[in-house]
Amino acid sequence: MLDNLSQQEQLDLKNARILYYDFFNGLLVFEMLEERVGVAKKQLEILLNAPLNDEAEESMLLLKQELESNGIQNLKVEFSKLFALPFGEKQVGLHLSHYYESCIGGQSLLKIRSLIKESDVRVSHQFKETEEHLGFLCGFMRHLLEIENTKLAKEVFMFSQKAFLGLIDEIKSHKGAKFYLAIVLILESFIKFESEFYF
């Protein structure tokens, strides 16, 4: 894919991918939501310059309008309803093991920890989730792209891709999803793009 691109186009593509991963990192980790309002608005403005498809564009517009009108509060409420306290509906998973082994902290956690050990990243005890958390993995992928560790980035993406697709499916089937439905529609277009990039 990169063979036909100029150096500037390759740099632009790398920066766009970093932006997407950072966008998802900030919206999939509850503790980061409050501090991400301004950043997410700016990211959406940039992403709206070249959305990956019409559905992603509509979703970006919805999120941008929500953040401008109401801040992050409604996203925090929806996050809790989907991922923490679903009240009568199935809880949506945010961990690799949820999608691969129907549990939390399974073999998927051990596998991703072994991949992380190949990098310069060490997880802080301040981070409340494990390394198999999909929000964490978005931040990890962003870091790998920033330091141009493309081999490890590909391994992490290939290992986690099906879990991200599972997250997308679970949120699409959840009746209470509105803003996170918009987020996973953007994520779906990006995962499709990334899979084409790596294959």
Protein backbone atom coordinates (compact mmCIF):
# COMPACT_ATOMS: atom_id res chain seq x y z
CA MET A 1 0.00 0.00 0.00
CA LEU A 2 2.80 2.44 0.87
CA ASP A 3 4.86 1.72 -2.25
CA ASN A 4 2.92 4.18 -4.40
CA LEU A 5 2.92 7.01 -1.85
CA SER A 6 5.36 9.90 -1.62
CA GLN A 7 7.24 10.45 1.64
CA GLN A 8 4.83 13.26 2.54
CA GLU A 9 1.81 11.05 1.82
CA GLN A 10 3.31 8.28 3.96
CA LEU A 11 3.84 10.75 6.81
CA ASP A 12 0.27 12.06 6.43
CA LEU A 13 -1.07 8.50 6.51
CA LYS A 14 0.95 7.66 9.62
CA ASN A 15 -0.29 10.82 11.37
CA ALA A 16 -3.90 10.07 10.42
CA ARG A 17 -3.62 6.55 11.84
CA ILE A 18 -2.06 7.94 15.04
CA LEU A 19 -4.93 10.43 15.29
CA TYR A 20 -7.56 7.70 14.94
CA TYR A 21 -5.92 5.49 17.57
CA ASP A 22 -5.63 8.43 19.97
CA PHE A 23 -9.28 9.36 19.35
CA PHE A 24 -10.46 5.84 20.27
CA ASN A 25 -8.04 5.62 23.21
CA GLY A 26 -9.57 8.74 24.74
CA LEU A 27 -13.16 7.58 24.31
CA LEU A 28 -12.80 3.95 25.39
CA VAL A 29 -11.12 4.59 28.74
CA PHE A 30 -13.61 6.04 31.24
CA GLU A 31 -10.98 7.83 33.33
CA MET A 32 -9.83 9.75 30.25
CA LEU A 33 -13.24 11.02 29.13
CA GLU A 34 -13.39 14.20 31.21
CA GLU A 35 -10.03 15.49 30.04
CA ARG A 36 -10.70 14.64 26.38
CA VAL A 37 -13.58 17.00 25.50
CA GLY A 38 -11.43 19.66 23.83
CA VAL A 39 -9.09 17.14 22.26
CA ALA A 40 -11.95 15.04 20.87
CA LYS A 41 -13.60 18.12 19.33
CA LYS A 42 -10.33 19.09 17.61
CA GLN A 43 -9.76 15.51 16.47
CA LEU A 44 -13.26 15.32 15.00
CA GLU A 45 -12.68 18.59 13.10
CA ILE A 46 -9.55 17.09 11.55
CA LEU A 47 -11.12 13.69 10.85
CA LEU A 48 -14.09 15.36 9.18
CA ASN A 49 -11.71 16.63 6.47
CA ALA A 50 -11.43 13.09 5.12
CA PRO A 51 -13.86 10.61 6.71
CA LEU A 52 -13.41 7.00 5.63
CA ASN A 53 -17.07 6.64 4.56
CA ASP A 54 -20.44 8.41 4.75
CA GLU A 55 -21.54 6.52 7.86
CA ALA A 56 -18.35 7.57 9.67
CA GLU A 57 -18.90 11.18 8.59
CA GLU A 58 -22.46 11.22 9.95
CA SER A 59 -21.21 9.71 13.19
CA MET A 60 -18.44 12.30 13.50
CA LEU A 61 -20.94 15.11 12.98
CA LEU A 62 -23.25 13.67 15.66
CA LEU A 63 -20.39 13.40 18.18
CA LYS A 64 -19.04 16.85 17.37
CA GLN A 65 -22.48 18.40 17.86
CA GLU A 66 -22.97 16.53 21.14
CA LEU A 67 -19.58 17.59 22.51
CA GLU A 68 -20.16 21.21 21.51
CA SER A 69 -23.69 21.30 22.95
CA ASN A 70 -23.41 19.18 26.11
CA GLY A 71 -19.76 18.39 26.69
CA ILE A 72 -18.84 14.86 27.71
CA GLN A 73 -21.60 14.19 30.27
CA ASN A 74 -23.95 12.18 28.04
CA LEU A 75 -21.06 10.06 26.75
CA LYS A 76 -20.05 9.29 30.34
CA VAL A 77 -23.62 8.24 31.19
CA GLU A 78 -23.83 6.05 28.10
CA PHE A 79 -20.38 4.57 28.79
CA SER A 80 -21.60 3.48 32.24
CA LYS A 81 -24.81 2.00 30.81
CA LEU A 82 -22.93 0.00 28.16
CA PHE A 83 -19.74 -1.06 29.89
CA ALA A 84 -20.29 -0.88 33.65
CA LEU A 85 -23.94 -0.96 34.75
CA PRO A 86 -26.10 -2.15 31.84
CA PHE A 87 -29.32 -2.57 33.92
CA GLY A 88 -31.10 -5.48 32.29
CA GLU A 89 -29.02 -5.65 29.12
CA LYS A 90 -25.84 -7.57 28.50
CA GLN A 91 -22.70 -5.70 29.50
CA VAL A 92 -20.55 -4.78 26.51
CA GLY A 93 -17.00 -6.07 26.86
CA LEU A 94 -13.87 -3.96 26.60
CA HIS A 95 -11.30 -6.75 27.03
CA LEU A 96 -9.70 -9.18 24.60
CA SER A 97 -10.56 -12.18 26.81
CA HIS A 98 -14.24 -11.22 26.73
CA TYR A 99 -14.29 -11.78 22.98
CA TYR A 100 -11.83 -14.65 22.71
CA GLU A 101 -12.54 -16.66 25.85
CA SER A 102 -15.79 -15.29 27.33
CA CYS A 103 -14.01 -14.16 30.50
CA ILE A 104 -11.68 -11.45 31.75
CA GLY A 105 -7.99 -12.09 32.35
CA GLY A 106 -7.64 -15.22 30.25
CA GLN A 107 -4.92 -16.37 27.87
CA SER A 108 -5.46 -13.26 25.75
CA LEU A 109 -4.14 -11.13 28.60
CA LEU A 110 -0.99 -13.26 28.80
CA LYS A 111 -0.51 -13.05 25.02
CA ILE A 112 -0.89 -9.27 24.89
CA ARG A 113 1.43 -8.88 27.89
CA SER A 114 4.09 -10.85 26.04
CA LEU A 115 3.70 -8.53 23.04
CA ILE A 116 3.88 -5.43 25.24
CA LYS A 117 7.12 -6.75 26.79
CA GLU A 118 8.64 -6.54 23.30
CA SER A 119 8.15 -2.76 23.45
CA ASP A 120 9.38 0.06 25.65
CA VAL A 121 5.95 0.46 27.30
CA ARG A 122 5.39 -0.40 30.95
CA VAL A 123 1.91 -0.17 32.40
CA SER A 124 1.52 2.21 35.32
CA HIS A 125 -0.30 1.00 38.40
CA GLN A 126 -2.37 4.18 38.10
CA PHE A 127 -4.06 2.68 35.04
CA LYS A 128 -7.01 0.75 36.46
CA GLU A 129 -7.47 -1.66 33.57
CA THR A 130 -5.32 -4.54 32.37
CA GLU A 131 -3.28 -4.53 29.20
CA GLU A 132 -6.02 -6.39 27.32
CA HIS A 133 -8.39 -3.41 27.63
CA LEU A 134 -9.30 -2.23 24.12
CA GLY A 135 -8.90 1.43 25.06
CA PHE A 136 -5.40 0.74 26.35
CA LEU A 137 -4.60 -1.15 23.14
CA CYS A 138 -5.57 1.90 21.07
CA GLY A 139 -3.11 3.99 23.05
CA PHE A 140 -0.47 1.28 22.69
CA MET A 141 -1.00 1.13 18.92
CA ARG A 142 -0.70 4.92 18.75
CA HIS A 143 2.62 4.70 20.57
CA LEU A 144 3.92 1.92 18.31
CA LEU A 145 3.11 3.98 15.23
CA GLU A 146 4.75 7.07 16.75
CA ILE A 147 8.00 5.19 17.34
CA GLU A 148 7.63 3.36 14.00
CA ASN A 149 7.60 -0.14 15.45
CA THR A 150 5.55 -1.41 12.51
CA LYS A 151 6.33 -5.09 13.08
CA LEU A 152 4.93 -5.08 16.62
CA ALA A 153 2.03 -2.81 15.60
CA LYS A 154 1.04 -5.37 12.98
CA GLU A 155 1.21 -8.23 15.51
CA VAL A 156 -0.92 -6.34 18.03
CA PHE A 157 -3.46 -5.35 15.38
CA MET A 158 -3.70 -8.88 13.98
CA PHE A 159 -4.20 -10.29 17.48
CA SER A 160 -6.79 -7.72 18.58
CA GLN A 161 -8.74 -7.13 15.35
CA LYS A 162 -11.47 -9.71 16.03
CA ALA A 163 -12.04 -8.29 19.52
CA PHE A 164 -12.57 -4.81 18.05
CA LEU A 165 -15.03 -6.29 15.55
CA GLY A 166 -16.78 -8.02 18.47
CA LEU A 167 -17.02 -4.71 20.31
CA ILE A 168 -18.55 -3.12 17.22
CA ASP A 169 -21.14 -5.91 16.92
CA GLU A 170 -22.05 -5.80 20.62
CA ILE A 171 -22.61 -2.05 20.59
CA LYS A 172 -24.55 -2.20 17.32
CA SER A 173 -26.95 -4.69 18.91
CA HIS A 174 -27.34 -2.72 22.16
CA LYS A 175 -30.60 -0.77 22.38
CA GLY A 176 -29.13 1.98 24.57
CA ALA A 177 -26.25 2.90 22.28
CA LYS A 178 -26.31 6.26 20.54
CA PHE A 179 -23.01 8.06 20.99
CA TYR A 180 -21.01 4.85 21.35
CA LEU A 181 -22.82 3.51 18.31
CA ALA A 182 -21.45 6.55 16.46
CA ILE A 183 -17.98 5.83 17.87
CA VAL A 184 -18.02 2.19 16.77
CA LEU A 185 -19.27 3.12 13.30
CA ILE A 186 -16.17 5.30 12.98
CA LEU A 187 -14.11 2.47 14.50
CA GLU A 188 -15.58 -0.01 12.02
CA SER A 189 -14.49 2.10 9.04
CA PHE A 190 -11.04 2.49 10.59
CA ILE A 191 -10.59 -1.22 11.38
CA LYS A 192 -11.54 -2.02 7.78
CA PHE A 193 -8.93 0.49 6.59
CA GLU A 194 -6.29 -0.90 8.96
CA SER A 195 -6.95 -4.49 7.90
CA GLU A 196 -6.44 -3.47 4.26
CA PHE A 197 -3.24 -1.70 5.32
CA TYR A 198 -1.84 -4.84 6.97
CA PHE A 199 -2.98 -7.40 4.38
